[in-house]
């Protein structure tokens, strides 16, 4: 029975850790979005937006249902398009 408790605690710890990562990625996405909104140089602004989309995508893919319960929409970026094309 002791090992069952350890496994449960480990699973709960993993879930908490995953939730923390998802939250952190969403915070980063919001931060990069704010930076993009304030950036006067178009090329740099586009790079901030790409980072924001990448972090939002990462958070969505870590969610157990792929973000479907949140109504998430995946935004392909040049990097994700290339990764998908390699499959």
Protein backbone atom coordinates (compact mmCIF):
# COMPACT_ATOMS: atom_id res chain seq x y z
CA UNK A 1 0.00 0.00 0.00
CA UNK A 2 2.86 2.38 0.69
CA UNK A 3 4.00 2.29 -2.91
CA UNK A 4 0.48 3.12 -4.13
CA UNK A 5 0.54 6.29 -2.04
CA UNK A 6 3.92 7.25 -3.44
CA UNK A 7 2.68 6.68 -7.00
CA UNK A 8 -0.43 8.78 -6.35
CA UNK A 9 1.62 11.56 -4.79
CA UNK A 10 4.02 11.40 -7.73
CA UNK A 11 1.18 11.61 -10.22
CA UNK A 12 -0.35 14.57 -8.38
CA UNK A 13 3.04 16.23 -8.29
CA UNK A 14 3.37 15.68 -12.02
CA UNK A 15 -0.06 17.17 -12.60
CA UNK A 16 0.78 20.20 -10.47
CA UNK A 17 4.09 20.58 -12.29
CA UNK A 18 2.36 20.34 -15.67
CA UNK A 19 -0.24 22.90 -14.67
CA UNK A 20 2.57 25.19 -13.54
CA UNK A 21 4.34 24.82 -16.89
CA UNK A 22 1.12 25.52 -18.80
CA UNK A 23 0.47 28.63 -16.70
CA UNK A 24 4.06 29.81 -17.16
CA UNK A 25 3.88 29.35 -20.93
CA UNK A 26 0.62 31.33 -21.05
CA UNK A 27 2.22 34.11 -18.99
CA UNK A 28 5.18 34.18 -21.37
CA UNK A 29 2.83 34.32 -24.36
CA UNK A 30 0.98 37.27 -22.83
CA UNK A 31 4.28 39.00 -22.04
CA UNK A 32 5.55 38.59 -25.60
CA UNK A 33 2.21 39.85 -26.93
CA UNK A 34 2.57 43.02 -24.82
CA UNK A 35 6.12 43.49 -26.08
CA UNK A 36 4.90 43.11 -29.66
CA UNK A 37 2.17 45.69 -29.13
CA UNK A 38 4.72 48.22 -27.88
CA UNK A 39 7.38 47.48 -30.52
CA UNK A 40 7.68 50.15 -33.23
CA UNK A 41 9.98 48.10 -35.51
CA UNK A 42 7.86 45.81 -37.68
CA UNK A 43 10.40 43.00 -38.03
CA UNK A 44 11.01 42.81 -34.28
CA UNK A 45 7.27 43.13 -33.59
CA UNK A 46 6.65 40.12 -35.86
CA UNK A 47 9.29 38.14 -33.99
CA UNK A 48 7.63 38.94 -30.64
CA UNK A 49 4.28 37.83 -32.09
CA UNK A 50 5.83 34.59 -33.32
CA UNK A 51 7.24 33.91 -29.86
CA UNK A 52 3.84 34.65 -28.32
CA UNK A 53 2.12 32.22 -30.71
CA UNK A 54 4.78 29.56 -30.08
CA UNK A 55 4.35 29.77 -26.31
CA UNK A 56 0.56 29.75 -26.57
CA UNK A 57 0.78 26.72 -28.84
CA UNK A 58 3.13 24.98 -26.41
CA UNK A 59 0.73 25.59 -23.51
CA UNK A 60 -2.18 24.29 -25.58
CA UNK A 61 -0.38 21.12 -26.59
CA UNK A 62 0.43 20.33 -22.94
CA UNK A 63 -3.21 20.47 -21.89
CA UNK A 64 -4.75 16.99 -21.56
CA UNK A 65 -7.42 17.68 -24.18
CA UNK A 66 -5.18 19.79 -26.39
CA UNK A 67 -6.93 22.97 -25.24
CA UNK A 68 -10.26 22.01 -26.78
CA UNK A 69 -12.15 22.72 -23.55
CA UNK A 70 -10.78 26.29 -23.63
CA UNK A 71 -11.85 26.79 -27.23
CA UNK A 72 -8.22 27.07 -28.22
CA UNK A 73 -7.27 27.64 -31.81
CA UNK A 74 -3.87 26.53 -32.94
CA UNK A 75 -2.00 29.10 -34.95
CA UNK A 76 0.54 27.58 -37.32
CA UNK A 77 3.84 29.38 -37.45
CA UNK A 78 6.65 28.85 -39.94
CA UNK A 79 8.34 26.56 -37.42
CA UNK A 80 5.25 24.46 -36.69
CA UNK A 81 4.47 24.20 -40.39
CA UNK A 82 7.97 22.85 -41.05
CA UNK A 83 7.69 20.37 -38.19
CA UNK A 84 4.32 19.17 -39.44
CA UNK A 85 5.69 18.81 -42.96
CA UNK A 86 8.51 16.57 -41.73
CA UNK A 87 6.05 13.97 -40.41
